Structures are given as structure tokens and as C-alpha cells.
Amino acid sequence: MNETGYAQSQGMTLLTRVVEEAGPLFTTAQATAAAPELPPYRVRALLSQLAQAGWIERLKRGTYAVRTPLFNTEVHPYAAAEALVSPLAISHWSALAHHGLTTQIPPMVQASTPVSVVTPDMRQGAAYRPRGRAAWRALGLEFEFIRVQPRHFFGFQEVWVSRWHRVSVTDPERTVLDLFAAPQVFGSLQAGLETLEAHLLRLDVDQLAAYALRYDVGAVIKRLGWALETCGAPERVTTLLRAYPLGAYSQLDPTGPPGGTPVARWRLRNNLQVEADNAHR
């Protein structure tokens, strides 16, 4: 066997071992551990050759995903997201779809990560999207990492997405809170209002209110409280949110036009009608 054929055989042997031990997502360290008879430099060389041949894809430095159909396994998009950035929690549109709170199919995987975390975009120098959102492409998919303050990084549940991978996903109540905390990610506040109206009875509104108070941003608390009251949530919940002290008025929909009718009990300016009037002009 010539050197090229030997390297290919050695590379496939390495790949078979690491997939058996670590699954279709693995690191250089895991590949090295799967082939203790090979020196680390040789493992790195074989991984490079496998990537060039299209058997694996380099997600970021030291992290790879299997692309060959020879192995009866697939890389789950949520696991790929966590391989790119950690810690994170699948969130926003992706979490809405995961919990069955929307019928829309998200065009990308969205996940939240603390602002202190370095995303692949920062390493590679790719352009940032507005408001701390960074896009990344891998495995034929697009990922969007939404950077949040560490104090706002809470409200997850662990979900097994494959036999090897368990990832964090914002739970239903935290996902709904994001509709009101970051309506710009969803296009406008309308997505939040429609979700509450359609799914209020399946939500733990006490937990939702507790999350809002923990989030501790007055405009978000009042916005959610107004929406819950409008949708007929129990008074014990709306009273709790209405009691949060807030001096200045905020826009009900921060993505909409300025102005609107003052709603004194919630310290909001209801600009939804202004937005609707502008849309019909």
C-alpha cells in the first residue's frame, strides 16, 4: 500500500474509533484519546486530511463534525450549536418551535449565550449583526448567537437530542419572556401577543411572572403584564407585575413608531394602533 492509501486507511480507522467513543461531534483531544498509539501531531495530520477529503467538517479550531454517510448517524443542529459556542441555550424562534409554540419553521438555529463568551465570529473576524447577534454557517446550516447579559442567562431545561448530546433549551415560560424582552428578534411585539393568546392556558403564568421579575427590566415587566392582562391572565399575576415600580413611560412595542395612547396603570404608551395606522397608509 502506498503512503496515500495508508494514510487514508489510518484516517478512517481513527474516524471509526472516535465516532464509536464520542459520536459524530468530537474534538482533537477526543480523537487523540481514541488512538493512543499515534502521536498527537499524527492525529492532527489525519484530521486535516479527513477534512480535506470531505469526510469531516471543521466547525472551529479543534472541533469537528462527521459528514460522511458511511456512519449511520447525524449531527443534530442543536448539538452543533453547542459545539460552536458554550455555554448556550437554544432560544428564541428555535425554542418556540421546539415547544410547539409556533408553526413557523425557523430558517436558522438561534441560541442565547452570555456576553462574556467568545463566539466563533469574534475569532474569525466575521461581521456582527445588530444588537449583539452573530451569524455563523456550518454543516449547511446557519446559526445565530444572541448575546445576553449574564444575569439574564437563566430558565433552561436539559434535552437529549441524540445518544451523545444533551443541550440546554429555554423552557416554555422563559421562551415566552424573550418574546417581550427582545421583540426585535421576532420582528415585532405581535409575535408575543399572538403566542400568549394562543397558548396562555398551557403556560405556567406564575413562573412566567417570576421570570419577568428576575429579569428585572421595568419596560419588559410592564409590557408582559399588559399583555397578560389583555389575554385574561389571573389577577394575582398581573397585580404582581403592575406593582413593580417604574417612573418613565415606555413604548409598548419598542420596534414600532413613537407615540401612542398612555396607559397609566402600566406606564406604557400603546403604539400598536399607531403602527397599524402607519401600515395602512
C-alpha atoms as a PDB file:
ATOM      1  CA  MET A   1       0.000   0.000   0.000  1.00  0.00           C
ATOM      2  CA  ASN A   2       1.388   3.430  -0.897  1.00  0.00           C
ATOM      3  CA  GLU A   3       1.661   6.270   1.617  1.00  0.00           C
ATOM      4  CA  THR A   4      -1.516   7.962   0.402  1.00  0.00           C
ATOM      5  CA  GLY A   5      -3.545   4.779   0.713  1.00  0.00           C
ATOM      6  CA  TYR A   6      -2.012   4.022   4.101  1.00  0.00           C
ATOM      7  CA  ALA A   7      -2.891   7.498   5.367  1.00  0.00           C
ATOM      8  CA  GLN A   8      -6.457   7.138   4.129  1.00  0.00           C
ATOM      9  CA  SER A   9      -6.807   3.754   5.835  1.00  0.00           C
ATOM     10  CA  GLN A  10      -5.285   5.108   9.029  1.00  0.00           C
ATOM     11  CA  GLY A  11      -7.546   8.144   8.901  1.00  0.00           C
ATOM     12  CA  MET A  12     -10.709   6.081   8.501  1.00  0.00           C
ATOM     13  CA  THR A  13      -9.627   3.796  11.338  1.00  0.00           C
ATOM     14  CA  LEU A  14      -9.178   6.859  13.521  1.00  0.00           C
ATOM     15  CA  LEU A  15     -12.554   8.253  12.477  1.00  0.00           C
ATOM     16  CA  THR A  16     -14.320   4.964  13.196  1.00  0.00           C
ATOM     17  CA  ARG A  17     -12.842   4.830  16.669  1.00  0.00           C
ATOM     18  CA  VAL A  18     -13.657   8.389  17.630  1.00  0.00           C
ATOM     19  CA  VAL A  19     -17.248   8.144  16.339  1.00  0.00           C
ATOM     20  CA  GLU A  20     -17.757   4.971  18.391  1.00  0.00           C
ATOM     21  CA  GLU A  21     -16.436   6.673  21.524  1.00  0.00           C
ATOM     22  CA  ALA A  22     -17.545  10.299  21.181  1.00  0.00           C
ATOM     23  CA  GLY A  23     -20.189  10.397  18.455  1.00  0.00           C
ATOM     24  CA  PRO A  24     -20.345  12.467  15.272  1.00  0.00           C
ATOM     25  CA  LEU A  25     -19.134  15.643  17.021  1.00  0.00           C
ATOM     26  CA  PHE A  26     -15.691  15.451  18.526  1.00  0.00           C
ATOM     27  CA  THR A  27     -12.593  17.402  19.463  1.00  0.00           C
ATOM     28  CA  THR A  28      -8.950  16.900  18.638  1.00  0.00           C
ATOM     29  CA  ALA A  29      -8.413  15.788  22.230  1.00  0.00           C
ATOM     30  CA  GLN A  30     -11.068  13.084  21.876  1.00  0.00           C
ATOM     31  CA  ALA A  31      -9.533  11.905  18.619  1.00  0.00           C
ATOM     32  CA  THR A  32      -6.123  11.725  20.278  1.00  0.00           C
ATOM     33  CA  ALA A  33      -7.577   9.696  23.157  1.00  0.00           C
ATOM     34  CA  ALA A  34      -9.205   7.306  20.669  1.00  0.00           C
ATOM     35  CA  ALA A  35      -5.814   6.494  19.099  1.00  0.00           C
ATOM     36  CA  PRO A  36      -3.276   6.298  21.941  1.00  0.00           C
ATOM     37  CA  GLU A  37      -0.763   4.536  19.677  1.00  0.00           C
ATOM     38  CA  LEU A  38      -0.488   7.643  17.461  1.00  0.00           C
ATOM     39  CA  PRO A  39       1.459  10.751  18.423  1.00  0.00           C
ATOM     40  CA  PRO A  40      -0.697  13.904  18.689  1.00  0.00           C
ATOM     41  CA  TYR A  41       0.914  15.500  15.611  1.00  0.00           C
ATOM     42  CA  ARG A  42      -0.067  12.465  13.549  1.00  0.00           C
ATOM     43  CA  VAL A  43      -3.684  12.647  14.756  1.00  0.00           C
ATOM     44  CA  ARG A  44      -3.841  16.320  13.795  1.00  0.00           C
ATOM     45  CA  ALA A  45      -2.445  15.498  10.356  1.00  0.00           C
ATOM     46  CA  LEU A  46      -5.001  12.746   9.812  1.00  0.00           C
ATOM     47  CA  LEU A  47      -7.848  15.026  10.864  1.00  0.00           C
ATOM     48  CA  SER A  48      -6.649  17.623   8.391  1.00  0.00           C
ATOM     49  CA  GLN A  49      -6.576  15.013   5.625  1.00  0.00           C
ATOM     50  CA  LEU A  50     -10.073  13.783   6.545  1.00  0.00           C
ATOM     51  CA  ALA A  51     -11.369  17.352   6.402  1.00  0.00           C
ATOM     52  CA  GLN A  52      -9.756  17.981   3.020  1.00  0.00           C
ATOM     53  CA  ALA A  53     -11.327  14.772   1.694  1.00  0.00           C
ATOM     54  CA  GLY A  54     -14.782  15.872   2.932  1.00  0.00           C
ATOM     55  CA  TRP A  55     -15.208  13.092   5.479  1.00  0.00           C
ATOM     56  CA  ILE A  56     -15.415  15.573   8.344  1.00  0.00           C
ATOM     57  CA  GLU A  57     -16.020  19.322   8.658  1.00  0.00           C
ATOM     58  CA  ARG A  58     -14.030  21.626  10.888  1.00  0.00           C
ATOM     59  CA  LEU A  59     -16.546  23.632  12.909  1.00  0.00           C
ATOM     60  CA  LYS A  60     -13.962  25.682  14.722  1.00  0.00           C
ATOM     61  CA  ARG A  61     -10.393  25.166  15.851  1.00  0.00           C
ATOM     62  CA  GLY A  62     -10.122  21.721  17.417  1.00  0.00           C
ATOM     63  CA  THR A  63     -13.774  20.725  16.844  1.00  0.00           C
ATOM     64  CA  TYR A  64     -15.065  18.542  14.008  1.00  0.00           C
ATOM     65  CA  ALA A  65     -18.302  17.018  12.726  1.00  0.00           C
ATOM     66  CA  VAL A  66     -18.701  13.864  10.630  1.00  0.00           C
ATOM     67  CA  ARG A  67     -20.015  14.462   7.105  1.00  0.00           C
ATOM     68  CA  THR A  68     -19.653  11.009   5.554  1.00  0.00           C
ATOM     69  CA  PRO A  69     -22.810   8.864   5.202  1.00  0.00           C
ATOM     70  CA  LEU A  70     -20.760   5.749   5.994  1.00  0.00           C
ATOM     71  CA  PHE A  71     -21.731   6.182   9.643  1.00  0.00           C
ATOM     72  CA  ASN A  72     -25.398   5.732  10.454  1.00  0.00           C
ATOM     73  CA  THR A  73     -25.601   8.924  12.492  1.00  0.00           C
ATOM     74  CA  GLU A  74     -26.409  12.581  12.022  1.00  0.00           C
ATOM     75  CA  VAL A  75     -25.288  15.708  13.802  1.00  0.00           C
ATOM     76  CA  HIS A  76     -28.247  17.349  15.482  1.00  0.00           C
ATOM     77  CA  PRO A  77     -28.313  21.116  14.771  1.00  0.00           C
ATOM     78  CA  TYR A  78     -28.669  21.950  18.479  1.00  0.00           C
ATOM     79  CA  ALA A  79     -25.614  19.838  19.316  1.00  0.00           C
ATOM     80  CA  ALA A  80     -23.685  21.584  16.543  1.00  0.00           C
ATOM     81  CA  ALA A  81     -24.614  24.952  18.012  1.00  0.00           C
ATOM     82  CA  GLU A  82     -23.290  23.907  21.413  1.00  0.00           C
ATOM     83  CA  ALA A  83     -20.104  22.635  19.782  1.00  0.00           C
ATOM     84  CA  LEU A  84     -19.591  26.116  18.318  1.00  0.00           C
ATOM     85  CA  VAL A  85     -20.325  28.115  21.475  1.00  0.00           C
ATOM     86  CA  SER A  86     -20.572  27.109  25.113  1.00  0.00           C
ATOM     87  CA  PRO A  87     -22.330  27.824  27.368  1.00  0.00           C
ATOM     88  CA  LEU A  88     -25.504  28.454  25.423  1.00  0.00           C
ATOM     89  CA  ALA A  89     -29.197  27.705  25.454  1.00  0.00           C
ATOM     90  CA  ILE A  90     -31.295  27.114  22.359  1.00  0.00           C
ATOM     91  CA  SER A  91     -33.738  30.016  22.425  1.00  0.00           C
ATOM     92  CA  HIS A  92     -35.994  32.481  20.612  1.00  0.00           C
ATOM     93  CA  TRP A  93     -37.516  31.104  17.366  1.00  0.00           C
ATOM     94  CA  SER A  94     -35.780  27.741  17.769  1.00  0.00           C
ATOM     95  CA  ALA A  95     -37.150  27.291  21.287  1.00  0.00           C
ATOM     96  CA  LEU A  96     -40.621  28.410  20.197  1.00  0.00           C
ATOM     97  CA  ALA A  97     -40.596  25.710  17.526  1.00  0.00           C
ATOM     98  CA  HIS A  98     -39.148  23.122  19.931  1.00  0.00           C
ATOM     99  CA  HIS A  99     -42.007  23.683  22.400  1.00  0.00           C
ATOM    100  CA  GLY A 100     -44.696  23.799  19.716  1.00  0.00           C
ATOM    101  CA  LEU A 101     -45.453  27.463  20.390  1.00  0.00           C
ATOM    102  CA  THR A 102     -45.210  28.374  16.706  1.00  0.00           C
ATOM    103  CA  THR A 103     -45.992  26.663  13.431  1.00  0.00           C
ATOM    104  CA  GLN A 104     -43.219  28.540  11.644  1.00  0.00           C
ATOM    105  CA  ILE A 105     -40.053  26.650  10.758  1.00  0.00           C
ATOM    106  CA  PRO A 106     -37.076  28.755  11.828  1.00  0.00           C
ATOM    107  CA  PRO A 107     -34.628  29.372   8.963  1.00  0.00           C
ATOM    108  CA  MET A 108     -31.694  29.141  11.379  1.00  0.00           C
ATOM    109  CA  VAL A 109     -30.764  27.807  14.790  1.00  0.00           C
ATOM    110  CA  GLN A 110     -30.963  30.569  17.388  1.00  0.00           C
ATOM    111  CA  ALA A 111     -29.290  30.341  20.769  1.00  0.00           C
ATOM    112  CA  SER A 112     -28.529  32.674  23.666  1.00  0.00           C
ATOM    113  CA  THR A 113     -25.072  32.971  25.169  1.00  0.00           C
ATOM    114  CA  PRO A 114     -23.638  35.306  27.834  1.00  0.00           C
ATOM    115  CA  VAL A 115     -21.869  38.399  26.508  1.00  0.00           C
ATOM    116  CA  SER A 116     -18.641  37.228  28.153  1.00  0.00           C
ATOM    117  CA  VAL A 117     -18.479  34.204  25.828  1.00  0.00           C
ATOM    118  CA  VAL A 118     -16.293  34.467  22.723  1.00  0.00           C
ATOM    119  CA  THR A 119     -18.267  33.367  19.675  1.00  0.00           C
ATOM    120  CA  PRO A 120     -16.690  31.909  16.515  1.00  0.00           C
ATOM    121  CA  ASP A 121     -17.421  35.206  14.755  1.00  0.00           C
ATOM    122  CA  MET A 122     -15.116  37.012  17.149  1.00  0.00           C
ATOM    123  CA  ARG A 123     -12.304  34.571  16.431  1.00  0.00           C
ATOM    124  CA  GLN A 124     -12.776  34.653  12.677  1.00  0.00           C
ATOM    125  CA  GLY A 125     -13.458  38.379  12.354  1.00  0.00           C
ATOM    126  CA  ALA A 126     -16.880  37.931  10.733  1.00  0.00           C
ATOM    127  CA  ALA A 127     -19.305  40.842  10.823  1.00  0.00           C
ATOM    128  CA  TYR A 128     -21.715  41.154  13.737  1.00  0.00           C
ATOM    129  CA  ARG A 129     -25.417  41.541  13.297  1.00  0.00           C
ATOM    130  CA  PRO A 130     -27.217  44.346  15.157  1.00  0.00           C
ATOM    131  CA  ARG A 131     -27.807  44.223  18.905  1.00  0.00           C
ATOM    132  CA  GLY A 132     -25.221  41.623  19.775  1.00  0.00           C
ATOM    133  CA  ARG A 133     -26.386  38.969  17.308  1.00  0.00           C
ATOM    134  CA  ALA A 134     -23.761  36.986  15.442  1.00  0.00           C
ATOM    135  CA  ALA A 135     -24.281  34.645  12.484  1.00  0.00           C
ATOM    136  CA  TRP A 136     -22.262  31.556  11.670  1.00  0.00           C
ATOM    137  CA  ARG A 137     -22.530  28.892   8.964  1.00  0.00           C
ATOM    138  CA  ALA A 138     -21.627  25.239   9.410  1.00  0.00           C
ATOM    139  CA  LEU A 139     -22.880  21.864   8.164  1.00  0.00           C
ATOM    140  CA  GLY A 140     -25.012  23.648   5.596  1.00  0.00           C
ATOM    141  CA  LEU A 141     -26.929  25.428   8.383  1.00  0.00           C
ATOM    142  CA  GLU A 142     -26.990  28.964   9.711  1.00  0.00           C
ATOM    143  CA  PHE A 143     -26.628  29.616  13.415  1.00  0.00           C
ATOM    144  CA  GLU A 144     -27.356  32.866  15.207  1.00  0.00           C
ATOM    145  CA  PHE A 145     -25.924  33.510  18.654  1.00  0.00           C
ATOM    146  CA  ILE A 146     -27.758  36.191  20.615  1.00  0.00           C
ATOM    147  CA  ARG A 147     -25.576  37.619  23.335  1.00  0.00           C
ATOM    148  CA  VAL A 148     -27.335  38.418  26.612  1.00  0.00           C
ATOM    149  CA  GLN A 149     -26.269  39.803  29.941  1.00  0.00           C
ATOM    150  CA  PRO A 150     -25.103  37.028  32.302  1.00  0.00           C
ATOM    151  CA  ARG A 151     -27.885  37.934  34.766  1.00  0.00           C
ATOM    152  CA  HIS A 152     -30.424  37.255  32.013  1.00  0.00           C
ATOM    153  CA  PHE A 153     -28.991  33.842  31.199  1.00  0.00           C
ATOM    154  CA  PHE A 154     -31.454  31.587  33.039  1.00  0.00           C
ATOM    155  CA  GLY A 155     -34.595  29.494  32.612  1.00  0.00           C
ATOM    156  CA  PHE A 156     -33.363  26.348  30.838  1.00  0.00           C
ATOM    157  CA  GLN A 157     -34.208  22.684  30.656  1.00  0.00           C
ATOM    158  CA  GLU A 158     -31.880  19.889  29.561  1.00  0.00           C
ATOM    159  CA  VAL A 159     -32.929  17.979  26.439  1.00  0.00           C
ATOM    160  CA  TRP A 160     -31.344  14.873  24.940  1.00  0.00           C
ATOM    161  CA  VAL A 161     -31.083  15.379  21.169  1.00  0.00           C
ATOM    162  CA  SER A 162     -29.028  12.255  20.466  1.00  0.00           C
ATOM    163  CA  ARG A 163     -27.448   9.382  22.371  1.00  0.00           C
ATOM    164  CA  TRP A 164     -24.323  11.517  22.835  1.00  0.00           C
ATOM    165  CA  HIS A 165     -25.626  15.023  23.241  1.00  0.00           C
ATOM    166  CA  ARG A 166     -27.736  16.821  25.801  1.00  0.00           C
ATOM    167  CA  VAL A 167     -28.298  20.542  25.269  1.00  0.00           C
ATOM    168  CA  SER A 168     -29.956  23.379  27.164  1.00  0.00           C
ATOM    169  CA  VAL A 169     -33.176  24.853  25.759  1.00  0.00           C
ATOM    170  CA  THR A 170     -35.058  27.776  27.280  1.00  0.00           C
ATOM    171  CA  ASP A 171     -38.184  26.373  28.907  1.00  0.00           C
ATOM    172  CA  PRO A 172     -41.621  27.471  27.620  1.00  0.00           C
ATOM    173  CA  GLU A 173     -42.019  30.334  30.089  1.00  0.00           C
ATOM    174  CA  ARG A 174     -38.514  31.694  29.530  1.00  0.00           C
ATOM    175  CA  THR A 175     -39.055  31.404  25.778  1.00  0.00           C
ATOM    176  CA  VAL A 176     -42.250  33.453  26.025  1.00  0.00           C
ATOM    177  CA  LEU A 177     -40.460  36.044  28.147  1.00  0.00           C
ATOM    178  CA  ASP A 178     -37.959  36.502  25.309  1.00  0.00           C
ATOM    179  CA  LEU A 179     -40.856  37.487  23.045  1.00  0.00           C
ATOM    180  CA  PHE A 180     -41.341  40.547  25.258  1.00  0.00           C
ATOM    181  CA  ALA A 181     -37.719  41.115  26.273  1.00  0.00           C
ATOM    182  CA  ALA A 182     -36.386  41.084  22.686  1.00  0.00           C
ATOM    183  CA  PRO A 183     -39.304  41.635  20.300  1.00  0.00           C
ATOM    184  CA  GLN A 184     -36.885  42.874  17.637  1.00  0.00           C
ATOM    185  CA  VAL A 185     -35.623  39.307  17.227  1.00  0.00           C
ATOM    186  CA  PHE A 186     -39.168  38.233  16.312  1.00  0.00           C
ATOM    187  CA  GLY A 187     -39.939  41.202  14.073  1.00  0.00           C
ATOM    188  CA  SER A 188     -42.283  42.996  16.463  1.00  0.00           C
ATOM    189  CA  LEU A 189     -44.314  42.554  19.633  1.00  0.00           C
ATOM    190  CA  GLN A 190     -47.094  40.967  17.588  1.00  0.00           C
ATOM    191  CA  ALA A 191     -45.433  37.541  17.806  1.00  0.00           C
ATOM    192  CA  GLY A 192     -45.566  37.717  21.594  1.00  0.00           C
ATOM    193  CA  LEU A 193     -49.181  38.811  21.693  1.00  0.00           C
ATOM    194  CA  GLU A 194     -50.252  36.059  19.314  1.00  0.00           C
ATOM    195  CA  THR A 195     -48.316  33.409  21.250  1.00  0.00           C
ATOM    196  CA  LEU A 196     -49.854  34.427  24.577  1.00  0.00           C
ATOM    197  CA  GLU A 197     -53.347  34.481  23.138  1.00  0.00           C
ATOM    198  CA  ALA A 198     -52.951  31.027  21.581  1.00  0.00           C
ATOM    199  CA  HIS A 199     -51.115  29.269  24.406  1.00  0.00           C
ATOM    200  CA  LEU A 200     -51.925  31.071  27.666  1.00  0.00           C
ATOM    201  CA  LEU A 201     -53.667  28.052  29.198  1.00  0.00           C
ATOM    202  CA  ARG A 202     -50.675  25.754  28.695  1.00  0.00           C
ATOM    203  CA  LEU A 203     -48.210  28.179  30.271  1.00  0.00           C
ATOM    204  CA  ASP A 204     -47.304  28.423  33.956  1.00  0.00           C
ATOM    205  CA  VAL A 205     -48.130  32.125  34.261  1.00  0.00           C
ATOM    206  CA  ASP A 206     -46.832  32.278  37.844  1.00  0.00           C
ATOM    207  CA  GLN A 207     -43.453  31.033  36.630  1.00  0.00           C
ATOM    208  CA  LEU A 208     -43.603  33.473  33.719  1.00  0.00           C
ATOM    209  CA  ALA A 209     -44.198  36.373  36.112  1.00  0.00           C
ATOM    210  CA  ALA A 210     -41.396  35.180  38.380  1.00  0.00           C
ATOM    211  CA  TYR A 211     -39.032  35.064  35.411  1.00  0.00           C
ATOM    212  CA  ALA A 212     -40.061  38.599  34.411  1.00  0.00           C
ATOM    213  CA  LEU A 213     -39.323  39.939  37.902  1.00  0.00           C
ATOM    214  CA  ARG A 214     -35.992  38.112  37.943  1.00  0.00           C
ATOM    215  CA  TYR A 215     -35.181  39.660  34.555  1.00  0.00           C
ATOM    216  CA  ASP A 216     -35.622  42.964  36.384  1.00  0.00           C
ATOM    217  CA  VAL A 217     -36.147  45.352  33.469  1.00  0.00           C
ATOM    218  CA  GLY A 218     -39.113  47.615  34.104  1.00  0.00           C
ATOM    219  CA  ALA A 219     -40.206  48.061  30.485  1.00  0.00           C
ATOM    220  CA  VAL A 220     -40.185  44.289  29.918  1.00  0.00           C
ATOM    221  CA  ILE A 221     -42.184  43.628  33.094  1.00  0.00           C
ATOM    222  CA  LYS A 222     -44.836  46.214  32.214  1.00  0.00           C
ATOM    223  CA  ARG A 223     -45.032  45.076  28.589  1.00  0.00           C
ATOM    224  CA  LEU A 224     -45.591  41.474  29.625  1.00  0.00           C
ATOM    225  CA  GLY A 225     -48.022  42.473  32.380  1.00  0.00           C
ATOM    226  CA  TRP A 226     -50.150  44.472  29.958  1.00  0.00           C
ATOM    227  CA  ALA A 227     -50.201  41.552  27.520  1.00  0.00           C
ATOM    228  CA  LEU A 228     -51.146  39.056  30.238  1.00  0.00           C
ATOM    229  CA  GLU A 229     -53.950  41.304  31.453  1.00  0.00           C
ATOM    230  CA  THR A 230     -55.205  41.768  27.898  1.00  0.00           C
ATOM    231  CA  CYS A 231     -55.244  37.993  27.389  1.00  0.00           C
ATOM    232  CA  GLY A 232     -57.156  37.370  30.626  1.00  0.00           C
ATOM    233  CA  ALA A 233     -54.409  36.054  32.913  1.00  0.00           C
ATOM    234  CA  PRO A 234     -55.284  35.724  36.641  1.00  0.00           C
ATOM    235  CA  GLU A 235     -55.313  38.985  38.579  1.00  0.00           C
ATOM    236  CA  ARG A 236     -52.812  37.668  41.129  1.00  0.00           C
ATOM    237  CA  VAL A 237     -50.226  37.588  38.346  1.00  0.00           C
ATOM    238  CA  THR A 238     -50.982  40.947  36.759  1.00  0.00           C
ATOM    239  CA  THR A 239     -51.163  42.667  40.161  1.00  0.00           C
ATOM    240  CA  LEU A 240     -47.687  41.388  40.990  1.00  0.00           C
ATOM    241  CA  LEU A 241     -46.238  42.786  37.765  1.00  0.00           C
ATOM    242  CA  ARG A 242     -48.142  46.046  37.975  1.00  0.00           C
ATOM    243  CA  ALA A 243     -46.653  46.686  41.435  1.00  0.00           C
ATOM    244  CA  TYR A 244     -43.121  46.838  40.041  1.00  0.00           C
ATOM    245  CA  PRO A 245     -42.007  50.486  40.368  1.00  0.00           C
ATOM    246  CA  LEU A 246     -41.414  52.299  37.084  1.00  0.00           C
ATOM    247  CA  GLY A 247     -41.281  56.070  36.657  1.00  0.00           C
ATOM    248  CA  ALA A 248     -40.970  56.930  32.992  1.00  0.00           C
ATOM    249  CA  TYR A 249     -43.327  55.661  30.307  1.00  0.00           C
ATOM    250  CA  SER A 250     -42.044  53.081  27.815  1.00  0.00           C
ATOM    251  CA  GLN A 251     -43.229  52.150  24.344  1.00  0.00           C
ATOM    252  CA  LEU A 252     -45.421  49.067  24.379  1.00  0.00           C
ATOM    253  CA  ASP A 253     -43.774  47.856  21.166  1.00  0.00           C
ATOM    254  CA  PRO A 254     -40.160  49.096  21.083  1.00  0.00           C
ATOM    255  CA  THR A 255     -39.937  48.100  17.411  1.00  0.00           C
ATOM    256  CA  GLY A 256     -42.868  50.332  16.498  1.00  0.00           C
ATOM    257  CA  PRO A 257     -43.243  54.081  15.928  1.00  0.00           C
ATOM    258  CA  PRO A 258     -43.060  56.608  18.785  1.00  0.00           C
ATOM    259  CA  GLY A 259     -46.178  57.964  20.418  1.00  0.00           C
ATOM    260  CA  GLY A 260     -49.368  56.163  21.256  1.00  0.00           C
ATOM    261  CA  THR A 261     -52.058  56.349  23.911  1.00  0.00           C
ATOM    262  CA  PRO A 262     -50.746  56.482  27.506  1.00  0.00           C
ATOM    263  CA  VAL A 263     -51.736  53.523  29.670  1.00  0.00           C
ATOM    264  CA  ALA A 264     -51.157  54.894  33.164  1.00  0.00           C
ATOM    265  CA  ARG A 265     -51.694  51.642  35.085  1.00  0.00           C
ATOM    266  CA  TRP A 266     -48.837  50.045  33.145  1.00  0.00           C
ATOM    267  CA  ARG A 267     -46.651  53.122  32.485  1.00  0.00           C
ATOM    268  CA  LEU A 268     -46.755  52.356  28.778  1.00  0.00           C
ATOM    269  CA  ARG A 269     -47.564  54.150  25.562  1.00  0.00           C
ATOM    270  CA  ASN A 270     -49.715  51.883  23.427  1.00  0.00           C
ATOM    271  CA  ASN A 271     -48.281  52.447  19.976  1.00  0.00           C
ATOM    272  CA  LEU A 272     -49.849  49.367  18.398  1.00  0.00           C
ATOM    273  CA  GLN A 273     -52.644  51.417  16.830  1.00  0.00           C
ATOM    274  CA  VAL A 274     -50.122  53.988  15.575  1.00  0.00           C
ATOM    275  CA  GLU A 275     -48.207  51.126  13.981  1.00  0.00           C
ATOM    276  CA  ALA A 276     -51.392  49.743  12.403  1.00  0.00           C
ATOM    277  CA  ASP A 277     -52.400  53.162  11.063  1.00  0.00           C
ATOM    278  CA  ASN A 278     -48.974  53.662   9.521  1.00  0.00           C
ATOM    279  CA  ALA A 279     -49.134  50.228   7.900  1.00  0.00           C
ATOM    280  CA  HIS A 280     -52.417  51.074   6.154  1.00  0.00           C
ATOM    281  CA  ARG A 281     -51.254  54.369   4.693  1.00  0.00           C
END
